[in-house]
């Protein structure tokens, strides 16, 4: 019996799981290695979905039904006084990172998924690739997939010059239970995608699956994301410093965020946001933030190694397509290998060409949408026309939109994305 080729997937998050499923579906023996020591389902927050994401999941043979998310059919913009200034009819299924992760993780063989595996180095030769881990173990395969996120160890080992670039702002996030809404607030807000645009900032709110990924009425959650300019030299390190005075770098575990920082955010919400939205921020049990980065890798196929998802390209969240991109990356990789009939060099060359073009274009699009927030760190006189705040109706149409033309973003060079 012919031995199946083996793929080592570094990173057991959504991108890695998509890669693992697609490679298994095309006949590969796949092992997944996750550096974190426990299940990741408690991580992440709300995400928008695209038709393409649901189609990729379906093509894997996994069930995609109404329980994957919560439908919203209207977008509204609220001014500082809480009045609706703009309204847009558009339908989108809002899900959560944990819901997609749980679907993929539960369908993958537990014996082939290993937690607590921190990659230390990689060695390649003509026959394959060997991964060496911190516990002293090693694994060998014909292919290694780096799907270990924005702080990818695989990318750092092979492309140390490709570093994430801080965009100059952070995303403050939180989640509240549907049950906390009063009947009038629920009717006005809950099943709508609500936006507020203070000068130089952006607040987005929408319903998502609730605790245990429950999408039944009354048990759902309400997700909010507030993008705020934050200087990377002084302000961001202060945010990442805990009560003992220790700075955790560019992020901090949510429970260690100092109470005065949280109090300041809630006070700013009362001052800058519609009162209905400020009330949601006020009753959020645990606010947390993520620094916004973008990243472009000059190559995503390096010998027997392929970079995928956020390890390859990171687009700012405004396009709302990070999970969709990871899914499409994984499918493209598997189909390129299948089409090459065993010629891995040809397959990876095709993968690099197609997905690097898509990645660079989606990063550029996301930068344009977030340019006005980043520009708040400049004096007004130095801001270009492209860095002026767009009108609300433009942002309502473009932010996290289902109208993102993913096919155009993969069009050949010379075509307009």
Protein backbone atom coordinates (compact mmCIF):
# COMPACT_ATOMS: atom_id res chain seq x y z
CA UNK A 1 0.00 0.00 0.00
CA UNK A 2 1.31 3.43 -0.95
CA UNK A 3 2.14 5.62 2.05
CA UNK A 4 0.19 8.85 2.16
CA UNK A 5 2.30 12.03 2.06
CA UNK A 6 2.43 13.82 5.40
CA UNK A 7 1.78 17.51 6.07
CA UNK A 8 2.79 19.25 9.28
CA UNK A 9 0.46 22.14 10.10
CA UNK A 10 1.95 24.63 12.56
CA UNK A 11 -0.91 26.48 14.23
CA UNK A 12 -4.17 24.93 15.32
CA UNK A 13 -6.40 27.96 14.99
CA UNK A 14 -8.95 28.47 12.21
CA UNK A 15 -6.44 28.83 9.37
CA UNK A 16 -4.53 25.73 10.43
CA UNK A 17 -7.73 23.72 10.78
CA UNK A 18 -8.92 24.75 7.33
CA UNK A 19 -5.55 23.67 5.90
CA UNK A 20 -5.67 20.38 7.79
CA UNK A 21 -9.16 19.55 6.58
CA UNK A 22 -8.43 20.42 2.95
CA UNK A 23 -5.19 18.45 2.83
CA UNK A 24 -6.87 15.42 4.45
CA UNK A 25 -9.66 15.69 1.88
CA UNK A 26 -7.10 15.37 -0.92
CA UNK A 27 -5.40 12.31 0.55
CA UNK A 28 -2.72 13.66 2.88
CA UNK A 29 -1.84 12.43 6.35
CA UNK A 30 -2.03 15.63 8.42
CA UNK A 31 -0.74 16.46 11.89
CA UNK A 32 -1.59 19.76 13.58
CA UNK A 33 0.68 21.36 16.20
CA UNK A 34 -0.66 24.18 18.39
CA UNK A 35 1.70 26.02 20.76
CA UNK A 36 -1.07 26.90 23.25
CA UNK A 37 -1.71 24.23 25.83
CA UNK A 38 -5.51 24.19 25.81
CA UNK A 39 -8.56 24.52 23.61
CA UNK A 40 -8.91 27.85 21.79
CA UNK A 41 -12.71 28.02 21.71
CA UNK A 42 -12.91 30.66 24.46
CA UNK A 43 -10.88 33.08 22.33
CA UNK A 44 -11.86 35.47 19.60
CA UNK A 45 -14.98 37.56 19.16
CA UNK A 46 -17.55 38.42 16.52
CA UNK A 47 -16.87 38.06 12.81
CA UNK A 48 -18.81 38.74 9.64
CA UNK A 49 -19.22 35.93 7.14
CA UNK A 50 -19.22 35.90 3.36
CA UNK A 51 -21.01 33.54 1.01
CA UNK A 52 -17.56 32.27 -0.01
CA UNK A 53 -16.75 31.22 3.56
CA UNK A 54 -19.94 29.24 3.91
CA UNK A 55 -19.31 27.66 0.50
CA UNK A 56 -15.80 26.55 1.48
CA UNK A 57 -17.12 24.95 4.66
CA UNK A 58 -19.84 23.17 2.68
CA UNK A 59 -17.31 21.87 0.15
CA UNK A 60 -15.48 20.24 3.05
CA UNK A 61 -18.65 18.33 3.82
CA UNK A 62 -19.31 20.17 7.08
CA UNK A 63 -22.78 21.38 8.02
CA UNK A 64 -23.53 25.04 7.47
CA UNK A 65 -26.99 26.02 8.69
CA UNK A 66 -28.71 28.92 10.41
CA UNK A 67 -27.04 28.11 13.75
CA UNK A 68 -23.68 29.28 12.40
CA UNK A 69 -24.63 32.90 13.04
CA UNK A 70 -27.24 35.63 13.40
CA UNK A 71 -28.73 37.41 10.40
CA UNK A 72 -28.92 41.19 10.27
CA UNK A 73 -30.75 42.91 7.45
CA UNK A 74 -30.22 46.59 8.19
CA UNK A 75 -27.30 48.86 8.94
CA UNK A 76 -27.85 52.12 10.79
CA UNK A 77 -25.65 55.05 11.80
CA UNK A 78 -26.31 56.88 15.07
CA UNK A 79 -25.14 60.41 15.83
CA UNK A 80 -23.89 61.65 19.19
CA UNK A 81 -27.47 62.31 20.33
CA UNK A 82 -28.61 58.78 19.49
CA UNK A 83 -30.60 59.66 16.36
CA UNK A 84 -30.49 57.49 13.23
CA UNK A 85 -28.84 59.60 10.54
CA UNK A 86 -28.36 56.95 7.85
CA UNK A 87 -29.89 53.57 7.12
CA UNK A 88 -28.88 50.89 4.63
CA UNK A 89 -30.76 47.69 3.75
CA UNK A 90 -28.21 44.88 3.50
CA UNK A 91 -28.31 41.30 4.77
CA UNK A 92 -25.34 39.59 6.37
CA UNK A 93 -24.81 36.59 8.61
CA UNK A 94 -22.80 37.57 11.69
CA UNK A 95 -20.98 34.74 13.42
CA UNK A 96 -18.18 34.36 15.95
CA UNK A 97 -14.62 33.12 15.79
CA UNK A 98 -15.39 30.42 18.35
CA UNK A 99 -18.35 29.09 16.34
CA UNK A 100 -16.20 28.49 13.24
CA UNK A 101 -13.31 27.10 15.30
CA UNK A 102 -15.59 24.67 17.14
CA UNK A 103 -17.08 23.41 13.87
CA UNK A 104 -13.64 22.70 12.39
CA UNK A 105 -11.97 21.40 15.54
CA UNK A 106 -14.70 18.92 16.44
CA UNK A 107 -14.60 17.42 12.94
CA UNK A 108 -10.83 16.83 13.01
CA UNK A 109 -9.35 13.65 14.55
CA UNK A 110 -8.24 14.46 18.09
CA UNK A 111 -5.27 12.09 17.82
CA UNK A 112 -3.79 14.18 15.01
CA UNK A 113 -4.07 17.52 16.86
CA UNK A 114 -1.45 18.21 19.52
CA UNK A 115 -1.56 21.08 22.02
CA UNK A 116 1.45 22.60 23.77
CA UNK A 117 3.79 22.19 20.79
CA UNK A 118 6.02 25.25 20.42
CA UNK A 119 8.04 25.23 17.20
CA UNK A 120 11.73 26.09 17.57
CA UNK A 121 13.29 25.48 14.16
CA UNK A 122 12.80 23.99 10.71
CA UNK A 123 15.16 22.01 8.50
CA UNK A 124 14.47 21.34 4.83
CA UNK A 125 16.07 19.08 2.26
CA UNK A 126 15.17 17.64 -1.14
CA UNK A 127 12.95 14.98 0.41
CA UNK A 128 10.95 16.99 2.88
CA UNK A 129 10.93 19.16 5.98
CA UNK A 130 11.53 18.50 9.68
CA UNK A 131 10.00 20.53 12.50
CA UNK A 132 11.79 20.67 15.88
CA UNK A 133 9.75 21.50 18.97
CA UNK A 134 10.57 22.93 22.39
CA UNK A 135 9.82 19.64 24.15
CA UNK A 136 12.67 17.98 22.23
CA UNK A 137 10.46 16.12 19.77
CA UNK A 138 10.66 16.34 16.01
CA UNK A 139 8.27 15.56 13.18
CA UNK A 140 9.00 15.05 9.49
CA UNK A 141 6.77 15.45 6.45
CA UNK A 142 6.76 16.31 2.78
CA UNK A 143 5.12 19.69 3.45
CA UNK A 144 4.93 22.15 6.35
CA UNK A 145 2.13 24.71 6.52
CA UNK A 146 2.77 27.83 8.61
CA UNK A 147 -0.68 28.84 9.87
CA UNK A 148 0.47 30.24 13.21
CA UNK A 149 -0.96 33.74 12.98
CA UNK A 150 0.28 37.29 12.88
CA UNK A 151 3.22 36.47 15.18
CA UNK A 152 4.13 33.41 13.13
CA UNK A 153 7.21 31.51 14.26
CA UNK A 154 7.40 29.85 10.84
CA UNK A 155 7.52 33.22 9.07
CA UNK A 156 10.01 34.59 11.59
CA UNK A 157 12.34 31.65 10.94
CA UNK A 158 12.18 31.89 7.16
CA UNK A 159 11.35 35.55 6.47
CA UNK A 160 12.59 37.56 9.46
CA UNK A 161 12.38 40.76 7.42
CA UNK A 162 8.58 40.41 7.06
CA UNK A 163 7.27 42.05 10.22
CA UNK A 164 3.75 43.23 11.13
CA UNK A 165 3.35 47.01 10.89
CA UNK A 166 1.38 48.78 13.62
CA UNK A 167 -1.40 50.85 12.05
CA UNK A 168 -1.54 53.51 14.76
CA UNK A 169 -4.80 52.47 16.40
CA UNK A 170 -6.38 49.79 18.55
CA UNK A 171 -9.71 47.98 18.50
CA UNK A 172 -11.47 48.01 21.86
CA UNK A 173 -13.85 45.08 22.01
CA UNK A 174 -16.53 43.62 24.21
CA UNK A 175 -19.54 41.34 24.29
CA UNK A 176 -22.81 41.62 26.22
CA UNK A 177 -25.66 39.13 26.57
CA UNK A 178 -28.89 39.66 24.68
CA UNK A 179 -30.76 39.20 27.96
CA UNK A 180 -29.31 42.49 29.26
CA UNK A 181 -31.20 44.54 26.65
CA UNK A 182 -34.39 46.31 27.65
CA UNK A 183 -37.31 45.69 25.26
CA UNK A 184 -37.03 49.19 23.66
CA UNK A 185 -33.23 48.88 23.22
CA UNK A 186 -33.60 45.38 21.83
CA UNK A 187 -36.14 46.52 19.26
CA UNK A 188 -34.01 49.47 18.21
CA UNK A 189 -30.56 47.89 18.13
CA UNK A 190 -30.21 44.18 18.60
CA UNK A 191 -30.95 42.82 15.16
CA UNK A 192 -29.25 45.69 13.37
CA UNK A 193 -25.65 46.41 12.47
CA UNK A 194 -25.10 49.74 14.23
CA UNK A 195 -22.30 52.21 13.52
CA UNK A 196 -21.08 55.42 15.16
CA UNK A 197 -18.37 57.66 13.70
CA UNK A 198 -16.85 60.09 16.19
CA UNK A 199 -14.18 62.24 14.55
CA UNK A 200 -11.29 60.00 13.55
CA UNK A 201 -12.83 56.89 15.14
CA UNK A 202 -15.23 54.06 14.32
CA UNK A 203 -17.63 52.02 16.46
CA UNK A 204 -19.36 48.89 15.12
CA UNK A 205 -21.98 46.80 16.94
CA UNK A 206 -23.82 43.66 15.83
CA UNK A 207 -25.39 40.45 17.17
CA UNK A 208 -23.40 37.21 17.27
CA UNK A 209 -23.81 33.70 18.73
CA UNK A 210 -23.93 33.82 22.52
CA UNK A 211 -22.49 31.60 25.22
CA UNK A 212 -21.75 28.07 23.97
CA UNK A 213 -22.35 29.42 20.42
CA UNK A 214 -26.09 29.60 21.07
CA UNK A 215 -28.08 31.42 18.36
CA UNK A 216 -31.54 31.03 19.89
CA UNK A 217 -33.45 34.25 20.53
CA UNK A 218 -32.73 35.55 24.00
CA UNK A 219 -29.43 33.65 24.26
CA UNK A 220 -27.34 35.51 21.71
CA UNK A 221 -24.58 38.05 22.24
CA UNK A 222 -23.98 41.61 21.08
CA UNK A 223 -20.47 42.37 19.89
CA UNK A 224 -18.92 45.85 19.77
CA UNK A 225 -15.63 47.07 18.29
CA UNK A 226 -14.32 50.60 18.79
CA UNK A 227 -11.33 51.68 16.69
CA UNK A 228 -9.36 54.47 18.39
CA UNK A 229 -6.08 56.20 17.42
CA UNK A 230 -3.33 55.21 19.85
CA UNK A 231 0.28 56.30 19.60
CA UNK A 232 2.58 53.29 19.46
CA UNK A 233 5.51 54.85 21.32
CA UNK A 234 3.84 55.93 24.54
CA UNK A 235 0.07 55.34 24.62
CA UNK A 236 0.09 51.69 23.53
CA UNK A 237 2.78 50.65 26.06
CA UNK A 238 0.77 52.40 28.80
CA UNK A 239 -2.34 50.44 27.83
CA UNK A 240 -0.31 47.24 27.96
CA UNK A 241 1.07 47.92 31.45
CA UNK A 242 -0.59 46.13 34.36
CA UNK A 243 -1.15 47.36 37.91
CA UNK A 244 2.28 46.10 39.03
CA UNK A 245 3.99 48.29 36.42
CA UNK A 246 4.90 45.43 34.09
CA UNK A 247 4.48 46.18 30.37
CA UNK A 248 3.36 43.12 28.39
CA UNK A 249 4.53 44.45 25.03
CA UNK A 250 1.91 45.14 22.36
CA UNK A 251 -0.94 43.29 24.09
CA UNK A 252 -2.08 42.41 27.57
CA UNK A 253 -4.32 39.64 28.98
CA UNK A 254 -7.77 41.22 29.44
CA UNK A 255 -8.00 40.55 33.21
CA UNK A 256 -4.76 42.52 33.70
CA UNK A 257 -6.04 45.72 32.08
CA UNK A 258 -5.93 48.35 34.82
CA UNK A 259 -9.35 49.43 36.17
CA UNK A 260 -8.58 53.08 35.47
CA UNK A 261 -8.01 52.27 31.80
CA UNK A 262 -11.39 50.59 31.56
CA UNK A 263 -13.03 53.47 33.43
CA UNK A 264 -11.51 55.95 30.97
CA UNK A 265 -12.87 54.03 27.97
CA UNK A 266 -16.35 53.97 29.47
CA UNK A 267 -16.16 57.69 30.22
CA UNK A 268 -15.06 58.38 26.64
CA UNK A 269 -17.99 56.30 25.39
CA UNK A 270 -20.41 58.47 27.35
CA UNK A 271 -18.81 61.58 25.86
CA UNK A 272 -18.39 60.50 22.23
CA UNK A 273 -20.90 57.80 21.36
CA UNK A 274 -24.67 57.60 21.03
CA UNK A 275 -26.12 57.07 24.53
CA UNK A 276 -27.62 53.70 23.51
CA UNK A 277 -24.15 52.47 22.52
CA UNK A 278 -22.41 54.03 25.51
CA UNK A 279 -24.83 52.09 27.73
CA UNK A 280 -23.74 48.84 26.06
CA UNK A 281 -20.07 49.67 26.65
CA UNK A 282 -20.87 50.54 30.27
CA UNK A 283 -22.39 47.15 31.05
CA UNK A 284 -19.68 45.12 29.29
CA UNK A 285 -18.13 42.85 31.87
CA UNK A 286 -14.65 42.62 30.32
CA UNK A 287 -13.43 45.18 27.83
CA UNK A 288 -10.25 44.24 25.98
CA UNK A 289 -8.29 45.60 23.05
CA UNK A 290 -6.21 44.45 20.13
CA UNK A 291 -3.58 46.56 18.42
CA UNK A 292 -4.29 46.78 14.68
CA UNK A 293 -1.54 45.61 12.33
CA UNK A 294 -1.07 44.88 8.69
CA UNK A 295 1.47 42.56 7.13
CA UNK A 296 2.62 41.58 3.65
CA UNK A 297 4.96 38.66 3.06
CA UNK A 298 7.19 38.91 -0.03
CA UNK A 299 6.79 35.16 -0.55
CA UNK A 300 4.41 32.60 0.90
CA UNK A 301 6.01 29.45 -0.52
CA UNK A 302 9.56 28.77 0.64
CA UNK A 303 10.91 25.38 -0.36
CA UNK A 304 8.63 22.80 1.27
CA UNK A 305 6.89 25.42 3.44
CA UNK A 306 3.69 27.34 2.68
CA UNK A 307 2.46 30.31 4.73
CA UNK A 308 -1.29 30.64 5.12
CA UNK A 309 -3.86 32.96 6.69
CA UNK A 310 -2.51 35.64 9.03
CA UNK A 311 0.97 34.09 8.91
CA UNK A 312 1.13 35.20 5.26
CA UNK A 313 -0.91 38.42 5.10
CA UNK A 314 -2.75 40.43 7.73
CA UNK A 315 -5.37 42.88 6.54
CA UNK A 316 -6.87 45.34 8.99
CA UNK A 317 -10.28 44.09 10.18
CA UNK A 318 -12.27 46.64 8.15
CA UNK A 319 -12.73 44.29 5.19
CA UNK A 320 -14.16 41.65 7.54
CA UNK A 321 -12.60 38.83 5.55
CA UNK A 322 -9.80 37.38 7.69
CA UNK A 323 -11.48 34.02 8.27
CA UNK A 324 -12.74 33.88 4.69
CA UNK A 325 -9.24 34.56 3.40
CA UNK A 326 -7.75 31.76 5.51
CA UNK A 327 -10.40 29.34 4.21
CA UNK A 328 -9.72 30.28 0.60
CA UNK A 329 -5.94 30.07 1.14
CA UNK A 330 -6.32 26.53 2.44
CA UNK A 331 -8.53 25.41 -0.40
CA UNK A 332 -6.22 26.96 -3.00
CA UNK A 333 -3.20 25.19 -1.50
CA UNK A 334 -4.90 21.78 -1.49
CA UNK A 335 -6.29 22.15 -5.00
CA UNK A 336 -2.93 23.36 -6.37
CA UNK A 337 -1.24 20.27 -4.91
CA UNK A 338 -3.94 18.00 -6.29
CA UNK A 339 -3.73 19.57 -9.77
CA UNK A 340 0.08 19.24 -9.86
CA UNK A 341 -0.16 15.44 -9.51
CA UNK A 342 2.65 15.11 -7.00
CA UNK A 343 4.86 17.95 -8.26
CA UNK A 344 5.01 19.94 -5.03
CA UNK A 345 7.32 22.62 -6.45
CA UNK A 346 4.84 23.43 -9.21
CA UNK A 347 1.93 23.38 -6.76
CA UNK A 348 3.56 25.74 -4.28
CA UNK A 349 4.64 28.09 -7.06
CA UNK A 350 1.03 28.36 -8.19
CA UNK A 351 -0.19 28.83 -4.63
CA UNK A 352 2.36 31.58 -4.02
CA UNK A 353 1.39 33.42 -7.19
CA UNK A 354 -2.36 33.30 -6.68
CA UNK A 355 -2.67 33.91 -2.95
CA UNK A 356 0.10 36.49 -2.72
CA UNK A 357 -1.74 38.61 -5.29
CA UNK A 358 -4.97 38.28 -3.33
CA UNK A 359 -3.23 39.03 -0.03
CA UNK A 360 -1.50 42.18 -1.21
CA UNK A 361 -4.71 43.54 -2.71
CA UNK A 362 -6.85 42.91 0.34
CA UNK A 363 -4.22 44.51 2.60
CA UNK A 364 -4.23 47.59 0.36
CA UNK A 365 -8.01 47.80 0.47
CA UNK A 366 -8.10 47.54 4.26
CA UNK A 367 -5.43 50.24 4.59
CA UNK A 368 -7.56 52.62 2.55
CA UNK A 369 -10.58 52.04 4.77
CA UNK A 370 -8.58 52.65 7.95
CA UNK A 371 -6.39 55.48 6.64
CA UNK A 372 -8.43 58.22 8.31
CA UNK A 373 -8.06 56.61 11.76
CA UNK A 374 -4.30 56.17 11.36
CA UNK A 375 -4.01 59.78 10.13
CA UNK A 376 -5.31 61.15 13.45
CA UNK A 377 -1.74 60.88 14.73
CA UNK A 378 -0.69 63.50 12.15
CA UNK A 379 -1.34 67.23 12.32
CA UNK A 380 -4.44 68.06 10.22
CA UNK A 381 -2.35 70.11 7.82
CA UNK A 382 -0.27 67.05 6.90
CA UNK A 383 -3.17 64.72 6.10
CA UNK A 384 -3.73 63.85 2.48
CA UNK A 385 -7.13 63.79 0.81
CA UNK A 386 -7.13 59.99 1.08
CA UNK A 387 -6.70 60.37 4.86
CA UNK A 388 -9.80 62.51 5.35
CA UNK A 389 -12.71 60.84 7.10
CA UNK A 390 -15.14 59.45 4.49
CA UNK A 391 -18.86 60.20 4.78
CA UNK A 392 -20.91 57.75 6.89
CA UNK A 393 -22.79 56.35 3.91
CA UNK A 394 -19.49 55.27 2.31
CA UNK A 395 -18.25 53.56 5.47
CA UNK A 396 -21.61 51.89 6.04
CA UNK A 397 -21.43 50.41 2.56
CA UNK A 398 -17.78 49.33 2.62
CA UNK A 399 -16.90 48.24 6.18
CA UNK A 400 -17.11 44.47 6.63
CA UNK A 401 -19.32 44.28 3.58
CA UNK A 402 -20.66 41.18 1.89
CA UNK A 403 -20.22 43.12 -1.35
CA UNK A 404 -16.45 42.61 -1.25
CA UNK A 405 -15.59 41.27 -4.72
CA UNK A 406 -13.28 38.41 -3.84
CA UNK A 407 -13.06 37.24 -7.44
CA UNK A 408 -11.79 40.65 -8.54
CA UNK A 409 -9.10 40.49 -5.87
CA UNK A 410 -7.73 37.32 -7.47
CA UNK A 411 -7.89 38.63 -11.05
CA UNK A 412 -4.62 38.45 -13.03
CA UNK A 413 -2.14 41.31 -12.88
CA UNK A 414 -3.29 44.23 -14.98
CA UNK A 415 -6.95 43.74 -14.10
CA UNK A 416 -8.58 46.24 -11.76
CA UNK A 417 -9.30 44.75 -8.32
